[in-house]
C-alpha atoms as a PDB file:
ATOM      1  CA  UNK A   1     177.850  67.776 147.417  1.00  0.00           C
ATOM      2  CA  UNK A   2     174.531  68.939 148.879  1.00  0.00           C
ATOM      3  CA  UNK A   3     175.392  67.971 152.452  1.00  0.00           C
ATOM      4  CA  UNK A   4     178.387  70.302 152.274  1.00  0.00           C
ATOM      5  CA  UNK A   5     176.737  73.096 150.287  1.00  0.00           C
ATOM      6  CA  UNK A   6     173.069  73.275 151.256  1.00  0.00           C
ATOM      7  CA  UNK A   7     173.666  75.879 153.965  1.00  0.00           C
ATOM      8  CA  UNK A   8     174.889  78.391 151.362  1.00  0.00           C
ATOM      9  CA  UNK A   9     171.777  78.177 149.203  1.00  0.00           C
ATOM     10  CA  UNK A  10     169.513  81.266 149.293  1.00  0.00           C
ATOM     11  CA  UNK A  11     166.326  79.306 149.997  1.00  0.00           C
ATOM     12  CA  UNK A  12     167.601  77.560 153.143  1.00  0.00           C
ATOM     13  CA  UNK A  13     166.003  78.987 156.257  1.00  0.00           C
ATOM     14  CA  UNK A  14     168.165  79.760 159.253  1.00  0.00           C
ATOM     15  CA  UNK A  15     168.268  76.909 161.738  1.00  0.00           C
ATOM     16  CA  UNK A  16     167.379  74.249 159.165  1.00  0.00           C
ATOM     17  CA  UNK A  17     169.446  71.105 158.900  1.00  0.00           C
ATOM     18  CA  UNK A  18     170.471  68.916 156.022  1.00  0.00           C
ATOM     19  CA  UNK A  19     167.894  66.409 157.275  1.00  0.00           C
ATOM     20  CA  UNK A  20     165.223  68.937 156.272  1.00  0.00           C
ATOM     21  CA  UNK A  21     166.589  69.542 152.781  1.00  0.00           C
ATOM     22  CA  UNK A  22     168.259  66.220 151.963  1.00  0.00           C
ATOM     23  CA  UNK A  23     165.014  64.486 150.971  1.00  0.00           C
ATOM     24  CA  UNK A  24     164.175  67.378 148.628  1.00  0.00           C
ATOM     25  CA  UNK A  25     167.554  67.101 146.906  1.00  0.00           C
ATOM     26  CA  UNK A  26     167.052  63.347 146.547  1.00  0.00           C
ATOM     27  CA  UNK A  27     163.526  63.928 145.261  1.00  0.00           C
ATOM     28  CA  UNK A  28     164.817  66.220 142.515  1.00  0.00           C
ATOM     29  CA  UNK A  29     167.474  63.726 141.477  1.00  0.00           C
ATOM     30  CA  UNK A  30     165.142  60.734 141.497  1.00  0.00           C
ATOM     31  CA  UNK A  31     162.473  62.506 139.497  1.00  0.00           C
ATOM     32  CA  UNK A  32     164.899  63.827 136.901  1.00  0.00           C
ATOM     33  CA  UNK A  33     165.224  60.229 135.720  1.00  0.00           C
ATOM     34  CA  UNK A  34     161.461  59.716 135.957  1.00  0.00           C
ATOM     35  CA  UNK A  35     160.803  62.590 133.542  1.00  0.00           C
ATOM     36  CA  UNK A  36     163.534  62.297 130.902  1.00  0.00           C
ATOM     37  CA  UNK A  37     163.901  65.315 128.658  1.00  0.00           C
ATOM     38  CA  UNK A  38     161.509  67.460 130.700  1.00  0.00           C
ATOM     39  CA  UNK A  39     162.235  70.764 132.374  1.00  0.00           C
ATOM     40  CA  UNK A  40     161.584  71.071 136.105  1.00  0.00           C
ATOM     41  CA  UNK A  41     159.009  73.788 135.447  1.00  0.00           C
ATOM     42  CA  UNK A  42     157.072  71.435 133.175  1.00  0.00           C
ATOM     43  CA  UNK A  43     156.652  68.763 135.856  1.00  0.00           C
ATOM     44  CA  UNK A  44     156.656  70.877 139.016  1.00  0.00           C
ATOM     45  CA  UNK A  45     152.876  70.538 139.523  1.00  0.00           C
ATOM     46  CA  UNK A  46     153.199  66.732 139.462  1.00  0.00           C
ATOM     47  CA  UNK A  47     156.183  66.815 141.782  1.00  0.00           C
ATOM     48  CA  UNK A  48     154.359  69.075 144.210  1.00  0.00           C
ATOM     49  CA  UNK A  49     151.352  66.778 144.246  1.00  0.00           C
ATOM     50  CA  UNK A  50     153.558  63.759 145.044  1.00  0.00           C
ATOM     51  CA  UNK A  51     155.889  65.444 147.566  1.00  0.00           C
ATOM     52  CA  UNK A  52     153.969  64.142 150.589  1.00  0.00           C
ATOM     53  CA  UNK A  53     154.810  60.574 149.568  1.00  0.00           C
ATOM     54  CA  UNK A  54     158.440  61.333 148.697  1.00  0.00           C
ATOM     55  CA  UNK A  55     159.498  63.635 151.511  1.00  0.00           C
ATOM     56  CA  UNK A  56     160.414  61.008 154.065  1.00  0.00           C
ATOM     57  CA  UNK A  57     161.116  62.670 157.414  1.00  0.00           C
ATOM     58  CA  UNK A  58     161.519  66.156 155.986  1.00  0.00           C
ATOM     59  CA  UNK A  59     159.323  68.757 157.650  1.00  0.00           C
ATOM     60  CA  UNK A  60     159.398  70.993 154.557  1.00  0.00           C
ATOM     61  CA  UNK A  61     156.261  71.868 152.685  1.00  0.00           C
ATOM     62  CA  UNK A  62     156.471  71.700 148.902  1.00  0.00           C
ATOM     63  CA  UNK A  63     156.665  75.508 148.740  1.00  0.00           C
ATOM     64  CA  UNK A  64     160.023  75.281 150.545  1.00  0.00           C
ATOM     65  CA  UNK A  65     161.222  71.904 149.257  1.00  0.00           C
ATOM     66  CA  UNK A  66     160.712  72.727 145.584  1.00  0.00           C
ATOM     67  CA  UNK A  67     163.705  75.082 145.560  1.00  0.00           C
ATOM     68  CA  UNK A  68     166.050  72.333 146.734  1.00  0.00           C
ATOM     69  CA  UNK A  69     164.471  69.800 144.376  1.00  0.00           C
ATOM     70  CA  UNK A  70     164.893  72.200 141.470  1.00  0.00           C
ATOM     71  CA  UNK A  71     168.471  72.915 142.499  1.00  0.00           C
ATOM     72  CA  UNK A  72     169.431  69.235 142.416  1.00  0.00           C
ATOM     73  CA  UNK A  73     167.438  68.676 139.208  1.00  0.00           C
ATOM     74  CA  UNK A  74     169.279  71.549 137.523  1.00  0.00           C
ATOM     75  CA  UNK A  75     172.681  70.408 138.754  1.00  0.00           C
ATOM     76  CA  UNK A  76     172.055  66.948 137.302  1.00  0.00           C
ATOM     77  CA  UNK A  77     170.685  68.430 134.074  1.00  0.00           C
ATOM     78  CA  UNK A  78     173.784  70.602 133.707  1.00  0.00           C
ATOM     79  CA  UNK A  79     176.038  67.596 134.291  1.00  0.00           C
ATOM     80  CA  UNK A  80     174.176  65.539 131.695  1.00  0.00           C
ATOM     81  CA  UNK A  81     174.258  68.482 129.305  1.00  0.00           C
ATOM     82  CA  UNK A  82     178.031  68.724 129.544  1.00  0.00           C
ATOM     83  CA  UNK A  83     178.416  64.970 129.027  1.00  0.00           C
ATOM     84  CA  UNK A  84     175.949  64.712 126.153  1.00  0.00           C
ATOM     85  CA  UNK A  85     176.557  66.433 122.827  1.00  0.00           C
ATOM     86  CA  UNK A  86     173.741  68.645 121.662  1.00  0.00           C
ATOM     87  CA  UNK A  87     170.996  70.378 123.588  1.00  0.00           C
ATOM     88  CA  UNK A  88     170.154  67.718 126.194  1.00  0.00           C
ATOM     89  CA  UNK A  89     168.426  70.155 128.541  1.00  0.00           C
ATOM     90  CA  UNK A  90     166.655  71.951 125.686  1.00  0.00           C
ATOM     91  CA  UNK A  91     167.829  75.396 126.737  1.00  0.00           C
ATOM     92  CA  UNK A  92     168.955  76.365 123.238  1.00  0.00           C
ATOM     93  CA  UNK A  93     172.654  76.355 124.152  1.00  0.00           C
END
């Protein structure tokens, strides 16, 4: 999904490639499972601190990568929310 759609995201800078953003999308997905039941905003400081270790070959700083990580986190959260009865993402809906 992200390989085909990253270029249309508002945070992607012109001239960037999927290789720049791919690790950030993976980072968001991987950490969603690491912090079950948490909102991205609640763990963003921890994620930012650990980005250097998780970024692989991405040249993005956390200030740029966090948008892609949040995007993938939210997409996964929305998918889980639709599959799980109740308020799995704790958004009150």
